[in-house]
C-alpha atoms as a PDB file:
ATOM      1  CA  MET A   1      30.117  45.172 120.756  1.00  0.00           C
ATOM      2  CA  THR A   2      30.973  46.114 117.248  1.00  0.00           C
ATOM      3  CA  LEU A   3      33.442  44.641 115.198  1.00  0.00           C
ATOM      4  CA  PHE A   4      33.433  46.915 111.910  1.00  0.00           C
ATOM      5  CA  ARG A   5      37.490  47.381 111.313  1.00  0.00           C
ATOM      6  CA  ARG A   6      37.133  47.793 107.579  1.00  0.00           C
ATOM      7  CA  SER A   7      35.855  51.657 108.265  1.00  0.00           C
ATOM      8  CA  ARG A   8      38.990  52.716 109.662  1.00  0.00           C
ATOM      9  CA  GLY A   9      41.474  55.161 107.643  1.00  0.00           C
ATOM     10  CA  LEU A  10      38.401  55.488 104.954  1.00  0.00           C
ATOM     11  CA  VAL A  11      36.342  58.707 106.207  1.00  0.00           C
ATOM     12  CA  ALA A  12      38.872  61.546 104.969  1.00  0.00           C
ATOM     13  CA  GLY A  13      36.447  64.673 104.169  1.00  0.00           C
ATOM     14  CA  SER A  14      32.869  65.689 103.312  1.00  0.00           C
ATOM     15  CA  ALA A  15      33.112  64.155  99.776  1.00  0.00           C
ATOM     16  CA  THR A  16      34.090  60.532 101.232  1.00  0.00           C
ATOM     17  CA  ALA A  17      32.130  60.577 103.942  1.00  0.00           C
ATOM     18  CA  ALA A  18      29.094  61.246 101.310  1.00  0.00           C
ATOM     19  CA  ALA A  19      30.493  58.226  98.872  1.00  0.00           C
ATOM     20  CA  LEU A  20      30.381  56.095 101.941  1.00  0.00           C
ATOM     21  CA  ALA A  21      26.794  57.238 102.814  1.00  0.00           C
ATOM     22  CA  LEU A  22      25.635  56.480  99.194  1.00  0.00           C
ATOM     23  CA  GLY A  23      27.429  52.699  98.969  1.00  0.00           C
ATOM     24  CA  VAL A  24      25.621  51.861 102.449  1.00  0.00           C
ATOM     25  CA  VAL A  25      22.497  53.476 100.767  1.00  0.00           C
ATOM     26  CA  VAL A  26      22.738  51.375  97.417  1.00  0.00           C
ATOM     27  CA  LEU A  27      23.232  47.923  99.227  1.00  0.00           C
ATOM     28  CA  ALA A  28      20.331  48.519 101.821  1.00  0.00           C
ATOM     29  CA  LEU A  29      18.089  48.906  99.342  1.00  0.00           C
ATOM     30  CA  GLN A  30      19.586  45.716  97.327  1.00  0.00           C
ATOM     31  CA  PHE A  31      18.597  44.262 100.696  1.00  0.00           C
ATOM     32  CA  SER A  32      15.287  45.609 101.161  1.00  0.00           C
ATOM     33  CA  SER A  33      13.911  45.209  97.648  1.00  0.00           C
ATOM     34  CA  ALA A  34      14.904  41.617  97.446  1.00  0.00           C
ATOM     35  CA  ALA A  35      12.342  41.335 100.054  1.00  0.00           C
ATOM     36  CA  SER A  36       9.198  43.823  99.105  1.00  0.00           C
ATOM     37  CA  ALA A  37       9.411  42.991  95.286  1.00  0.00           C
ATOM     38  CA  ARG A  38       8.170  39.514  96.406  1.00  0.00           C
ATOM     39  CA  SER A  39       5.981  40.803  98.843  1.00  0.00           C
ATOM     40  CA  GLU A  40       2.501  39.928  97.119  1.00  0.00           C
ATOM     41  CA  SER A  41       3.501  36.328  97.620  1.00  0.00           C
ATOM     42  CA  SER A  42       5.205  34.273 100.177  1.00  0.00           C
ATOM     43  CA  SER A  43       8.902  33.619  99.984  1.00  0.00           C
ATOM     44  CA  CYS A  44      11.798  32.878 102.010  1.00  0.00           C
ATOM     45  CA  ALA A  45      12.633  36.205 102.320  1.00  0.00           C
ATOM     46  CA  ASP A  46       9.647  37.434 103.854  1.00  0.00           C
ATOM     47  CA  ALA A  47      10.193  39.407 107.420  1.00  0.00           C
ATOM     48  CA  VAL A  48       8.772  38.740 110.617  1.00  0.00           C
ATOM     49  CA  THR A  49       6.149  41.468 111.144  1.00  0.00           C
ATOM     50  CA  GLY A  50       4.747  40.331 114.469  1.00  0.00           C
ATOM     51  CA  ALA A  51       4.218  37.434 117.410  1.00  0.00           C
ATOM     52  CA  PRO A  52       3.797  33.772 115.628  1.00  0.00           C
ATOM     53  CA  THR A  53      -0.100  32.001 116.054  1.00  0.00           C
ATOM     54  CA  GLY A  54       0.900  29.060 116.527  1.00  0.00           C
ATOM     55  CA  PRO A  55       3.686  26.422 116.731  1.00  0.00           C
ATOM     56  CA  ALA A  56       7.072  26.120 114.279  1.00  0.00           C
ATOM     57  CA  THR A  57       7.606  22.907 112.552  1.00  0.00           C
ATOM     58  CA  VAL A  58      11.275  22.001 111.423  1.00  0.00           C
ATOM     59  CA  SER A  59      12.033  19.631 108.699  1.00  0.00           C
ATOM     60  CA  ALA A  60      15.004  18.406 106.758  1.00  0.00           C
ATOM     61  CA  ALA A  61      15.782  18.199 103.463  1.00  0.00           C
ATOM     62  CA  SER A  62      18.582  17.236 100.998  1.00  0.00           C
ATOM     63  CA  THR A  63      20.938  19.657  99.230  1.00  0.00           C
ATOM     64  CA  ALA A  64      24.395  19.922  97.938  1.00  0.00           C
ATOM     65  CA  TYR A  65      25.664  20.462 101.662  1.00  0.00           C
ATOM     66  CA  GLY A  66      23.822  17.008 102.865  1.00  0.00           C
ATOM     67  CA  ARG A  67      21.297  17.402 104.870  1.00  0.00           C
ATOM     68  CA  VAL A  68      19.926  20.259 106.628  1.00  0.00           C
ATOM     69  CA  LEU A  69      17.404  21.467 108.959  1.00  0.00           C
ATOM     70  CA  VAL A  70      14.223  23.655 106.651  1.00  0.00           C
ATOM     71  CA  VAL A  71      10.579  25.134 107.417  1.00  0.00           C
ATOM     72  CA  GLY A  72       8.573  22.146 107.795  1.00  0.00           C
ATOM     73  CA  SER A  73       5.396  23.754 107.085  1.00  0.00           C
ATOM     74  CA  GLY A  74       3.249  26.922 106.555  1.00  0.00           C
ATOM     75  CA  ASP A  75       3.761  29.652 104.007  1.00  0.00           C
ATOM     76  CA  HIS A  76       7.628  29.416 104.385  1.00  0.00           C
ATOM     77  CA  ALA A  77       7.639  25.595 104.235  1.00  0.00           C
ATOM     78  CA  GLY A  78      11.407  24.069 102.275  1.00  0.00           C
ATOM     79  CA  CYS A  79      12.904  27.479 103.172  1.00  0.00           C
ATOM     80  CA  SER A  80      16.511  27.008 104.663  1.00  0.00           C
ATOM     81  CA  LEU A  81      17.337  27.272 108.090  1.00  0.00           C
ATOM     82  CA  TYR A  82      20.755  28.538 109.514  1.00  0.00           C
ATOM     83  CA  VAL A  83      22.602  29.343 112.916  1.00  0.00           C
ATOM     84  CA  LEU A  84      25.034  32.082 113.799  1.00  0.00           C
ATOM     85  CA  THR A  85      28.288  31.178 115.228  1.00  0.00           C
ATOM     86  CA  SER A  86      28.536  34.262 116.864  1.00  0.00           C
ATOM     87  CA  ASP A  87      24.989  33.860 119.029  1.00  0.00           C
ATOM     88  CA  GLN A  88      26.995  31.920 120.944  1.00  0.00           C
ATOM     89  CA  LEU A  89      28.157  34.906 123.048  1.00  0.00           C
ATOM     90  CA  HIS A  90      24.501  35.090 124.326  1.00  0.00           C
ATOM     91  CA  ALA A  91      24.990  31.674 125.538  1.00  0.00           C
ATOM     92  CA  MET A  92      28.058  31.746 127.425  1.00  0.00           C
ATOM     93  CA  THR A  93      27.625  35.411 129.460  1.00  0.00           C
ATOM     94  CA  SER A  94      24.416  36.930 128.367  1.00  0.00           C
ATOM     95  CA  SER A  95      24.988  39.453 125.896  1.00  0.00           C
ATOM     96  CA  PRO A  96      22.410  40.586 123.237  1.00  0.00           C
ATOM     97  CA  PHE A  97      22.101  38.561 120.467  1.00  0.00           C
ATOM     98  CA  ALA A  98      24.602  38.865 117.687  1.00  0.00           C
ATOM     99  CA  CYS A  99      21.370  39.320 115.223  1.00  0.00           C
ATOM    100  CA  SER A 100      19.090  41.913 116.786  1.00  0.00           C
ATOM    101  CA  ASP A 101      17.171  44.794 116.075  1.00  0.00           C
ATOM    102  CA  ASN A 102      20.129  46.763 117.172  1.00  0.00           C
ATOM    103  CA  PRO A 103      21.662  49.463 114.207  1.00  0.00           C
ATOM    104  CA  ASN A 104      23.734  48.722 111.557  1.00  0.00           C
ATOM    105  CA  PRO A 105      25.054  49.696 108.730  1.00  0.00           C
ATOM    106  CA  ILE A 106      22.405  48.288 106.713  1.00  0.00           C
ATOM    107  CA  GLY A 107      19.810  50.121 108.244  1.00  0.00           C
ATOM    108  CA  ALA A 108      17.339  46.939 108.565  1.00  0.00           C
ATOM    109  CA  PRO A 109      16.964  45.129 111.525  1.00  0.00           C
ATOM    110  CA  CYS A 110      18.802  42.111 111.260  1.00  0.00           C
ATOM    111  CA  ASP A 111      16.542  39.442 113.120  1.00  0.00           C
ATOM    112  CA  SER A 112      13.264  40.559 111.279  1.00  0.00           C
ATOM    113  CA  ILE A 113      14.329  41.614 107.817  1.00  0.00           C
ATOM    114  CA  LEU A 114      17.868  40.179 107.050  1.00  0.00           C
ATOM    115  CA  TRP A 115      17.831  36.914 108.834  1.00  0.00           C
ATOM    116  CA  PRO A 116      13.997  36.389 109.951  1.00  0.00           C
ATOM    117  CA  ALA A 117      14.279  34.743 113.222  1.00  0.00           C
ATOM    118  CA  LEU A 118      11.908  31.652 113.035  1.00  0.00           C
ATOM    119  CA  LEU A 119       9.353  31.961 115.919  1.00  0.00           C
ATOM    120  CA  THR A 120       7.057  29.692 117.659  1.00  0.00           C
ATOM    121  CA  ASP A 121       4.007  29.788 119.591  1.00  0.00           C
ATOM    122  CA  GLY A 122       4.200  26.438 122.035  1.00  0.00           C
ATOM    123  CA  ALA A 123       7.071  23.996 121.716  1.00  0.00           C
ATOM    124  CA  PRO A 124       8.240  23.534 118.386  1.00  0.00           C
ATOM    125  CA  ILE A 125       7.537  20.201 116.370  1.00  0.00           C
ATOM    126  CA  ALA A 126       9.973  18.402 115.138  1.00  0.00           C
ATOM    127  CA  GLY A 127       9.225  16.605 111.288  1.00  0.00           C
ATOM    128  CA  PRO A 128      10.824  14.229 109.320  1.00  0.00           C
ATOM    129  CA  GLY A 129      14.325  13.674 109.877  1.00  0.00           C
ATOM    130  CA  VAL A 130      15.102  16.318 112.929  1.00  0.00           C
ATOM    131  CA  ASN A 131      16.207  14.451 116.204  1.00  0.00           C
ATOM    132  CA  PRO A 132      13.224  16.612 118.748  1.00  0.00           C
ATOM    133  CA  THR A 133      15.937  16.156 121.911  1.00  0.00           C
ATOM    134  CA  LEU A 134      17.912  18.872 119.869  1.00  0.00           C
ATOM    135  CA  LEU A 135      14.667  21.542 119.204  1.00  0.00           C
ATOM    136  CA  GLY A 136      13.733  24.152 121.913  1.00  0.00           C
ATOM    137  CA  SER A 137      13.210  27.693 122.513  1.00  0.00           C
ATOM    138  CA  VAL A 138      14.551  30.990 123.535  1.00  0.00           C
ATOM    139  CA  THR A 139      13.036  34.182 124.520  1.00  0.00           C
ATOM    140  CA  ARG A 140      13.824  37.463 122.554  1.00  0.00           C
ATOM    141  CA  ASP A 141      12.704  40.581 123.706  1.00  0.00           C
ATOM    142  CA  ASP A 142      14.329  42.548 121.259  1.00  0.00           C
ATOM    143  CA  MET A 143      12.412  42.038 117.748  1.00  0.00           C
ATOM    144  CA  PRO A 144      11.563  45.520 116.766  1.00  0.00           C
ATOM    145  CA  PHE A 145       7.423  44.973 116.701  1.00  0.00           C
ATOM    146  CA  GLY A 146       8.031  44.786 120.947  1.00  0.00           C
ATOM    147  CA  GLY A 147       6.894  42.428 123.063  1.00  0.00           C
ATOM    148  CA  SER A 148       8.441  38.799 124.375  1.00  0.00           C
ATOM    149  CA  VAL A 149       8.884  36.244 121.488  1.00  0.00           C
ATOM    150  CA  GLN A 150      10.047  32.729 121.594  1.00  0.00           C
ATOM    151  CA  GLN A 151      11.970  31.484 118.931  1.00  0.00           C
ATOM    152  CA  VAL A 152      13.344  27.772 117.612  1.00  0.00           C
ATOM    153  CA  THR A 153      16.767  26.654 118.712  1.00  0.00           C
ATOM    154  CA  TYR A 154      18.399  23.952 117.725  1.00  0.00           C
ATOM    155  CA  ALA A 155      21.372  22.381 119.486  1.00  0.00           C
ATOM    156  CA  GLY A 156      20.866  25.523 121.376  1.00  0.00           C
ATOM    157  CA  LEU A 157      21.438  27.766 118.828  1.00  0.00           C
ATOM    158  CA  PRO A 158      18.784  30.594 117.759  1.00  0.00           C
ATOM    159  CA  LEU A 159      17.481  29.668 113.991  1.00  0.00           C
ATOM    160  CA  TYR A 160      16.752  32.087 111.041  1.00  0.00           C
ATOM    161  CA  ARG A 161      15.561  32.117 107.152  1.00  0.00           C
ATOM    162  CA  PHE A 162      17.681  34.607 104.972  1.00  0.00           C
ATOM    163  CA  ILE A 163      16.618  37.489 102.948  1.00  0.00           C
ATOM    164  CA  PHE A 164      18.522  36.321  99.768  1.00  0.00           C
ATOM    165  CA  ASP A 165      16.620  33.112  99.617  1.00  0.00           C
ATOM    166  CA  GLU A 166      13.391  33.179  97.757  1.00  0.00           C
ATOM    167  CA  GLU A 167      12.295  29.825  97.077  1.00  0.00           C
ATOM    168  CA  PRO A 168      13.026  26.495  98.908  1.00  0.00           C
ATOM    169  CA  GLY A 169      15.788  24.800  98.263  1.00  0.00           C
ATOM    170  CA  GLU A 170      18.291  27.984  98.009  1.00  0.00           C
ATOM    171  CA  THR A 171      21.193  28.408 100.307  1.00  0.00           C
ATOM    172  CA  GLU A 172      22.750  31.501  99.277  1.00  0.00           C
ATOM    173  CA  GLY A 173      23.075  32.409 103.022  1.00  0.00           C
ATOM    174  CA  ALA A 174      25.682  29.360 103.640  1.00  0.00           C
ATOM    175  CA  ASN A 175      29.179  29.669 105.150  1.00  0.00           C
ATOM    176  CA  LEU A 176      28.619  33.582 105.270  1.00  0.00           C
ATOM    177  CA  PHE A 177      31.265  35.600 106.843  1.00  0.00           C
ATOM    178  CA  ASP A 178      28.849  38.353 107.981  1.00  0.00           C
ATOM    179  CA  PRO A 179      30.252  41.455 108.994  1.00  0.00           C
ATOM    180  CA  VAL A 180      26.934  43.129 109.886  1.00  0.00           C
ATOM    181  CA  THR A 181      26.100  41.204 112.826  1.00  0.00           C
ATOM    182  CA  SER A 182      27.665  42.334 116.703  1.00  0.00           C
ATOM    183  CA  PRO A 183      29.970  40.737 117.028  1.00  0.00           C
ATOM    184  CA  THR A 184      30.997  39.484 113.786  1.00  0.00           C
ATOM    185  CA  GLY A 185      30.009  35.855 112.811  1.00  0.00           C
ATOM    186  CA  THR A 186      29.718  33.056 110.034  1.00  0.00           C
ATOM    187  CA  TRP A 187      26.353  31.827 108.949  1.00  0.00           C
ATOM    188  CA  TYR A 188      25.811  27.746 108.283  1.00  0.00           C
ATOM    189  CA  LEU A 189      23.193  25.699 107.616  1.00  0.00           C
ATOM    190  CA  VAL A 190      22.756  23.083 109.991  1.00  0.00           C
ATOM    191  CA  ASP A 191      23.433  19.021 110.299  1.00  0.00           C
ATOM    192  CA  PRO A 192      19.669  17.645 111.759  1.00  0.00           C
ATOM    193  CA  SER A 193      21.903  14.365 112.790  1.00  0.00           C
ATOM    194  CA  ARG A 194      23.554  16.867 115.825  1.00  0.00           C
ATOM    195  CA  GLY A 195      23.038  19.974 115.029  1.00  0.00           C
ATOM    196  CA  LEU A 196      26.182  20.543 113.786  1.00  0.00           C
ATOM    197  CA  PRO A 197      26.976  23.660 110.752  1.00  0.00           C
ATOM    198  CA  ALA A 198      26.688  21.744 107.454  1.00  0.00           C
ATOM    199  CA  THR A 199      29.427  23.212 105.903  1.00  0.00           C
ATOM    200  CA  GLY A 200      30.191  20.868 102.861  1.00  0.00           C
ATOM    201  CA  GLN A 201      33.866  20.715 101.209  1.00  0.00           C
ATOM    202  CA  ALA A 202      36.180  23.678 102.566  1.00  0.00           C
ATOM    203  CA  HIS A 203      38.093  25.137  99.691  1.00  0.00           C
ATOM    204  CA  LEU A 204      41.872  26.657 100.289  1.00  0.00           C
ATOM    205  CA  GLN A 205      43.619  29.313  97.764  1.00  0.00           C
ATOM    206  CA  LEU A 206      46.236  31.893  98.078  1.00  0.00           C
ATOM    207  CA  GLU A 207      45.101  35.794  98.411  1.00  0.00           C
ATOM    208  CA  THR A 208      47.338  38.385  97.704  1.00  0.00           C
ATOM    209  CA  ALA A 209      45.973  41.322 100.343  1.00  0.00           C
ATOM    210  CA  PRO A 210      47.317  44.373 101.923  1.00  0.00           C
ATOM    211  CA  LEU A 211      48.826  44.199 105.728  1.00  0.00           C
ATOM    212  CA  GLY A 212      46.750  46.044 108.111  1.00  0.00           C
ATOM    213  CA  GLY A 213      44.590  47.827 105.384  1.00  0.00           C
ATOM    214  CA  GLY A 214      47.295  49.799 103.857  1.00  0.00           C
ATOM    215  CA  GLY A 215      50.883  48.060 104.437  1.00  0.00           C
ATOM    216  CA  SER A 216      52.512  46.031 101.897  1.00  0.00           C
ATOM    217  CA  SER A 217      50.692  43.374 100.802  1.00  0.00           C
ATOM    218  CA  LYS A 218      51.765  39.872 101.296  1.00  0.00           C
ATOM    219  CA  THR A 219      50.314  36.278  99.421  1.00  0.00           C
ATOM    220  CA  VAL A 220      49.032  34.029 102.240  1.00  0.00           C
ATOM    221  CA  LEU A 221      46.444  30.934 102.390  1.00  0.00           C
ATOM    222  CA  ALA A 222      43.231  31.700 102.666  1.00  0.00           C
ATOM    223  CA  ALA A 223      39.684  29.949 103.099  1.00  0.00           C
ATOM    224  CA  VAL A 224      37.240  30.505 100.771  1.00  0.00           C
ATOM    225  CA  MET A 225      33.365  32.078 102.603  1.00  0.00           C
ATOM    226  CA  ASN A 226      30.337  33.145 101.097  1.00  0.00           C
ATOM    227  CA  THR A 227      30.130  29.697  98.801  1.00  0.00           C
ATOM    228  CA  ASP A 228      26.418  30.719  97.455  1.00  0.00           C
ATOM    229  CA  PHE A 229      26.193  34.557  98.523  1.00  0.00           C
ATOM    230  CA  SER A 230      25.210  36.614  95.355  1.00  0.00           C
ATOM    231  CA  LEU A 231      26.282  39.860  96.223  1.00  0.00           C
ATOM    232  CA  PHE A 232      29.661  38.429  97.077  1.00  0.00           C
ATOM    233  CA  PRO A 233      29.985  34.985  96.082  1.00  0.00           C
ATOM    234  CA  ASP A 234      33.121  32.492  96.922  1.00  0.00           C
ATOM    235  CA  ALA A 235      35.073  35.327  98.874  1.00  0.00           C
ATOM    236  CA  SER A 236      38.634  35.023 100.226  1.00  0.00           C
ATOM    237  CA  PHE A 237      39.137  35.696 103.253  1.00  0.00           C
ATOM    238  CA  PRO A 238      43.125  34.635 105.125  1.00  0.00           C
ATOM    239  CA  VAL A 239      43.451  32.365 107.689  1.00  0.00           C
ATOM    240  CA  TYR A 240      46.132  31.803 110.832  1.00  0.00           C
ATOM    241  CA  THR A 241      47.644  29.583 112.937  1.00  0.00           C
ATOM    242  CA  LEU A 242      47.619  30.106 116.428  1.00  0.00           C
ATOM    243  CA  SER A 243      51.369  29.911 118.245  1.00  0.00           C
ATOM    244  CA  THR A 244      49.930  27.805 121.799  1.00  0.00           C
ATOM    245  CA  ASP A 245      47.929  25.115 119.631  1.00  0.00           C
ATOM    246  CA  SER A 246      50.234  21.600 120.294  1.00  0.00           C
ATOM    247  CA  GLY A 247      50.349  19.877 116.957  1.00  0.00           C
ATOM    248  CA  PRO A 248      46.638  18.955 115.908  1.00  0.00           C
ATOM    249  CA  THR A 249      45.011  19.822 118.687  1.00  0.00           C
ATOM    250  CA  SER A 250      43.405  23.445 118.970  1.00  0.00           C
ATOM    251  CA  ALA A 251      44.198  25.899 122.032  1.00  0.00           C
ATOM    252  CA  CYS A 252      40.935  28.213 120.776  1.00  0.00           C
ATOM    253  CA  GLN A 253      38.152  27.283 122.715  1.00  0.00           C
ATOM    254  CA  GLY A 254      34.965  28.836 124.233  1.00  0.00           C
ATOM    255  CA  LEU A 255      35.612  32.806 123.355  1.00  0.00           C
ATOM    256  CA  CYS A 256      38.722  32.436 121.660  1.00  0.00           C
ATOM    257  CA  ALA A 257      36.543  30.582 118.939  1.00  0.00           C
ATOM    258  CA  LEU A 258      34.131  33.342 118.311  1.00  0.00           C
ATOM    259  CA  PHE A 259      37.086  36.177 117.599  1.00  0.00           C
ATOM    260  CA  TRP A 260      39.010  33.433 116.102  1.00  0.00           C
ATOM    261  CA  GLN A 261      36.942  31.359 114.091  1.00  0.00           C
ATOM    262  CA  PRO A 262      37.874  27.770 113.194  1.00  0.00           C
ATOM    263  CA  VAL A 263      37.818  26.862 109.561  1.00  0.00           C
ATOM    264  CA  LEU A 264      35.139  24.032 108.966  1.00  0.00           C
ATOM    265  CA  THR A 265      35.139  21.564 106.553  1.00  0.00           C
ATOM    266  CA  SER A 266      32.591  18.302 106.481  1.00  0.00           C
ATOM    267  CA  ALA A 267      35.453  16.866 104.335  1.00  0.00           C
ATOM    268  CA  ARG A 268      39.322  16.943 103.540  1.00  0.00           C
ATOM    269  CA  ALA A 269      39.682  20.531 102.047  1.00  0.00           C
ATOM    270  CA  ASP A 270      40.235  20.906  98.372  1.00  0.00           C
ATOM    271  CA  ALA A 271      43.509  23.111  97.605  1.00  0.00           C
ATOM    272  CA  GLY A 272      43.743  25.312  94.785  1.00  0.00           C
ATOM    273  CA  PRO A 273      46.526  26.322  92.986  1.00  0.00           C
ATOM    274  CA  GLY A 274      49.463  27.031  94.651  1.00  0.00           C
ATOM    275  CA  VAL A 275      48.732  24.831  97.915  1.00  0.00           C
ATOM    276  CA  ASP A 276      49.487  21.590  98.658  1.00  0.00           C
ATOM    277  CA  GLN A 277      47.003  19.538  99.032  1.00  0.00           C
ATOM    278  CA  HIS A 278      48.672  16.631 100.763  1.00  0.00           C
ATOM    279  CA  ALA A 279      49.472  19.415 104.016  1.00  0.00           C
ATOM    280  CA  LEU A 280      45.585  19.870 104.380  1.00  0.00           C
ATOM    281  CA  GLY A 281      43.640  17.825 107.086  1.00  0.00           C
ATOM    282  CA  ILE A 282      40.894  17.649 109.646  1.00  0.00           C
ATOM    283  CA  ILE A 283      40.953  17.733 113.535  1.00  0.00           C
ATOM    284  CA  VAL A 284      37.631  16.875 115.389  1.00  0.00           C
ATOM    285  CA  ARG A 285      36.933  19.955 117.899  1.00  0.00           C
ATOM    286  CA  SER A 286      35.223  19.124 121.223  1.00  0.00           C
ATOM    287  CA  ASP A 287      31.980  20.219 120.062  1.00  0.00           C
ATOM    288  CA  GLY A 288      32.258  17.802 117.222  1.00  0.00           C
ATOM    289  CA  THR A 289      33.175  19.764 114.167  1.00  0.00           C
ATOM    290  CA  HIS A 290      35.667  19.565 111.916  1.00  0.00           C
ATOM    291  CA  GLN A 291      38.666  21.845 111.444  1.00  0.00           C
ATOM    292  CA  VAL A 292      40.921  22.044 108.447  1.00  0.00           C
ATOM    293  CA  THR A 293      44.411  22.052 109.397  1.00  0.00           C
ATOM    294  CA  TYR A 294      47.638  23.310 107.438  1.00  0.00           C
ATOM    295  CA  ASP A 295      50.998  21.246 108.229  1.00  0.00           C
ATOM    296  CA  ASP A 296      48.897  19.654 111.375  1.00  0.00           C
ATOM    297  CA  LYS A 297      48.181  23.222 112.081  1.00  0.00           C
ATOM    298  CA  PRO A 298      44.532  24.085 113.141  1.00  0.00           C
ATOM    299  CA  LEU A 299      43.398  27.171 110.812  1.00  0.00           C
ATOM    300  CA  TYR A 300      41.265  30.311 112.186  1.00  0.00           C
ATOM    301  CA  LEU A 301      39.254  33.063 110.272  1.00  0.00           C
ATOM    302  CA  PHE A 302      39.793  36.454 111.830  1.00  0.00           C
ATOM    303  CA  VAL A 303      36.271  37.962 112.454  1.00  0.00           C
ATOM    304  CA  GLY A 304      38.496  41.197 111.949  1.00  0.00           C
ATOM    305  CA  ASP A 305      38.937  40.437 108.072  1.00  0.00           C
ATOM    306  CA  ALA A 306      35.027  39.873 107.475  1.00  0.00           C
ATOM    307  CA  TYR A 307      33.526  42.348 105.327  1.00  0.00           C
ATOM    308  CA  ILE A 308      31.293  42.675 101.910  1.00  0.00           C
ATOM    309  CA  ALA A 309      32.462  44.241  99.050  1.00  0.00           C
ATOM    310  CA  GLY A 310      30.733  47.021  97.717  1.00  0.00           C
ATOM    311  CA  LEU A 311      29.495  48.036 101.100  1.00  0.00           C
ATOM    312  CA  PRO A 312      32.421  50.667 102.080  1.00  0.00           C
ATOM    313  CA  VAL A 313      31.452  51.115 106.003  1.00  0.00           C
ATOM    314  CA  ILE A 314      32.337  47.806 106.827  1.00  0.00           C
ATOM    315  CA  GLY A 315      33.818  46.608 103.274  1.00  0.00           C
ATOM    316  CA  GLY A 316      36.662  48.104 101.519  1.00  0.00           C
ATOM    317  CA  PRO A 317      39.671  46.146  99.410  1.00  0.00           C
ATOM    318  CA  ALA A 318      40.279  43.006 101.181  1.00  0.00           C
ATOM    319  CA  SER A 319      42.930  43.133 103.868  1.00  0.00           C
ATOM    320  CA  ILE A 320      45.082  41.055 106.112  1.00  0.00           C
ATOM    321  CA  ASN A 321      44.764  42.333 109.716  1.00  0.00           C
ATOM    322  CA  GLY A 322      45.244  39.056 111.815  1.00  0.00           C
ATOM    323  CA  ALA A 323      49.068  38.765 111.540  1.00  0.00           C
ATOM    324  CA  GLY A 324      50.790  39.087 114.650  1.00  0.00           C
ATOM    325  CA  ALA A 325      48.128  39.649 116.564  1.00  0.00           C
ATOM    326  CA  THR A 326      48.736  38.754 120.640  1.00  0.00           C
ATOM    327  CA  THR A 327      45.808  37.762 122.456  1.00  0.00           C
ATOM    328  CA  PRO A 328      45.103  35.979 125.164  1.00  0.00           C
ATOM    329  CA  TRP A 329      45.146  32.326 123.661  1.00  0.00           C
ATOM    330  CA  GLY A 330      48.290  33.016 121.866  1.00  0.00           C
ATOM    331  CA  VAL A 331      49.851  34.692 119.228  1.00  0.00           C
ATOM    332  CA  PHE A 332      48.053  34.318 115.417  1.00  0.00           C
ATOM    333  CA  ASP A 333      49.909  34.374 112.363  1.00  0.00           C
ATOM    334  CA  THR A 334      49.474  33.845 108.343  1.00  0.00           C
ATOM    335  CA  ILE A 335      50.806  31.234 106.169  1.00  0.00           C
ATOM    336  CA  PRO A 336      53.027  32.130 103.499  1.00  0.00           C
ATOM    337  CA  PRO A 337      52.794  30.117 100.424  1.00  0.00           C
ATOM    338  CA  SER A 338      54.747  26.444 100.241  1.00  0.00           C
ATOM    339  CA  PRO A 339      58.358  27.187  98.627  1.00  0.00           C
END
């Protein structure tokens, strides 16, 4: 399932198609050069090129997001590890992993180059600060080099590095709302204590963007994502409320939460200019994560809004695509600025 909505209406003739193709090539080169330029020495960005030769170790390290999981030994010791929210679809429905070697607009396999999977030969080892009961593994048959391998999991979700993390301690993949995966998902660092996303403090601000990619513009409440991502840092995405939510309780669980992702935080959200700080709150979801609320209404991101500026096929200008969306779970809508 691919949810690349921002490409709609962008291709109009060969000149435009050529421009789009050029944009894809440029960004693909940026991604690939991030790894190839450092291929002579070990880097957190190194691609996975074959099956592992021993057990992987997972440890914990201190960051601006709190204690998070990192690779515990070997050439990539100290490199940040991430989970992808939409990988939950595999566990729910046996669908393919959201980050796999399937074709994508970047032109590089997600699971071996863009987000190198943490593989293991044998049971993974819990390093300092890691809960061994949360460590596990899952079989991957979709790696580009073929064959079956085991990928390390934590609290049931597969662990990955990120191509833009060069050195131990870098966190460019933190809170990255990624349209390249299929379906779209958000990458989070991982809290070792319970395996929950280590999000840091959420930030809410106002965003003005056209409705549906081409309608009249509207100013709405938005969340800041892609916190450390150098290509598109502190990107703003509209947030939504759900009509069937009753007070500070979320009715959007399971599959709903994969496509209308909760806005998560590790502390009370910070309000930007024009946003009422007193209206921001927190609820604890059934999985233990903390979701931001506004006037006691839980807030969500829509996967159809994810994009990376500079990549036309899944980019283009910001737009608001979920306003008034009728779904099996209720109607989602944006939040206007406070009077």
